[in-house]
Amino acid sequence: MPKYEALLEAVKKAKYHVDRARYRLRDLALVSILIYTGCRIGEVLELRLEDINFKK
């Protein structure tokens, strides 16, 4: 399991590439969800806005 700092650095690197239009913001959001929740790719791809409680 990677350390938190390594994961944070990976997200920062991905944001750098988003800012330079190499990746889309959607890609950064997907990577962030995968890293910070531990969800599998299939679980994240099935998520809908109704599934997320933004109030918590």
Protein backbone atom coordinates (compact mmCIF):
# COMPACT_ATOMS: atom_id res chain seq x y z
CA MET A 1 0.00 0.00 0.00
CA PRO A 2 1.54 3.32 -1.04
CA LYS A 3 2.08 6.01 1.55
CA TYR A 4 -0.31 8.96 1.69
CA GLU A 5 2.43 11.34 0.58
CA ALA A 6 3.09 9.28 -2.55
CA LEU A 7 -0.61 9.26 -3.40
CA LEU A 8 -0.85 13.00 -2.86
CA GLU A 9 2.15 13.54 -5.13
CA ALA A 10 0.50 11.40 -7.84
CA VAL A 11 -2.64 13.55 -7.71
CA LYS A 12 -0.58 16.75 -7.86
CA LYS A 13 1.28 15.40 -10.89
CA ALA A 14 -2.00 14.50 -12.58
CA LYS A 15 -3.36 18.00 -11.88
CA TYR A 16 -0.24 19.47 -13.46
CA HIS A 17 -1.04 17.55 -16.64
CA VAL A 18 -4.72 18.55 -16.50
CA ASP A 19 -3.67 22.19 -16.30
CA ARG A 20 -1.59 21.72 -19.45
CA ALA A 21 -4.48 19.99 -21.26
CA ARG A 22 -2.76 16.61 -21.46
CA TYR A 23 -5.59 15.03 -19.48
CA ARG A 24 -9.14 16.10 -18.82
CA LEU A 25 -10.47 17.11 -15.44
CA ARG A 26 -12.67 14.00 -15.51
CA ASP A 27 -9.53 11.86 -15.54
CA LEU A 28 -8.14 13.65 -12.50
CA ALA A 29 -11.45 13.18 -10.67
CA LEU A 30 -11.46 9.47 -11.50
CA VAL A 31 -7.90 8.96 -10.27
CA SER A 32 -8.63 10.92 -7.09
CA ILE A 33 -11.72 8.86 -6.29
CA LEU A 34 -9.84 5.62 -6.88
CA ILE A 35 -6.92 6.68 -4.69
CA TYR A 36 -8.81 8.21 -1.78
CA THR A 37 -11.70 5.73 -1.50
CA GLY A 38 -10.08 2.44 -2.40
CA CYS A 39 -12.95 1.70 -4.78
CA ARG A 40 -12.39 -0.52 -7.77
CA ILE A 41 -12.69 0.96 -11.25
CA GLY A 42 -15.97 -0.84 -11.93
CA GLU A 43 -17.50 0.55 -8.74
CA VAL A 44 -16.50 4.11 -9.60
CA LEU A 45 -17.76 3.85 -13.17
CA GLU A 46 -21.17 2.77 -11.87
CA LEU A 47 -21.50 5.77 -9.53
CA ARG A 48 -24.29 8.24 -10.19
CA LEU A 49 -24.83 11.67 -8.61
CA GLU A 50 -27.76 10.24 -6.65
CA ASP A 51 -25.37 7.77 -4.99
CA ILE A 52 -23.28 10.53 -3.40
CA ASN A 53 -24.29 12.28 -0.18
CA PHE A 54 -22.73 15.72 -0.52
CA LYS A 55 -24.02 16.82 2.90
CA LYS A 56 -21.65 14.57 4.85
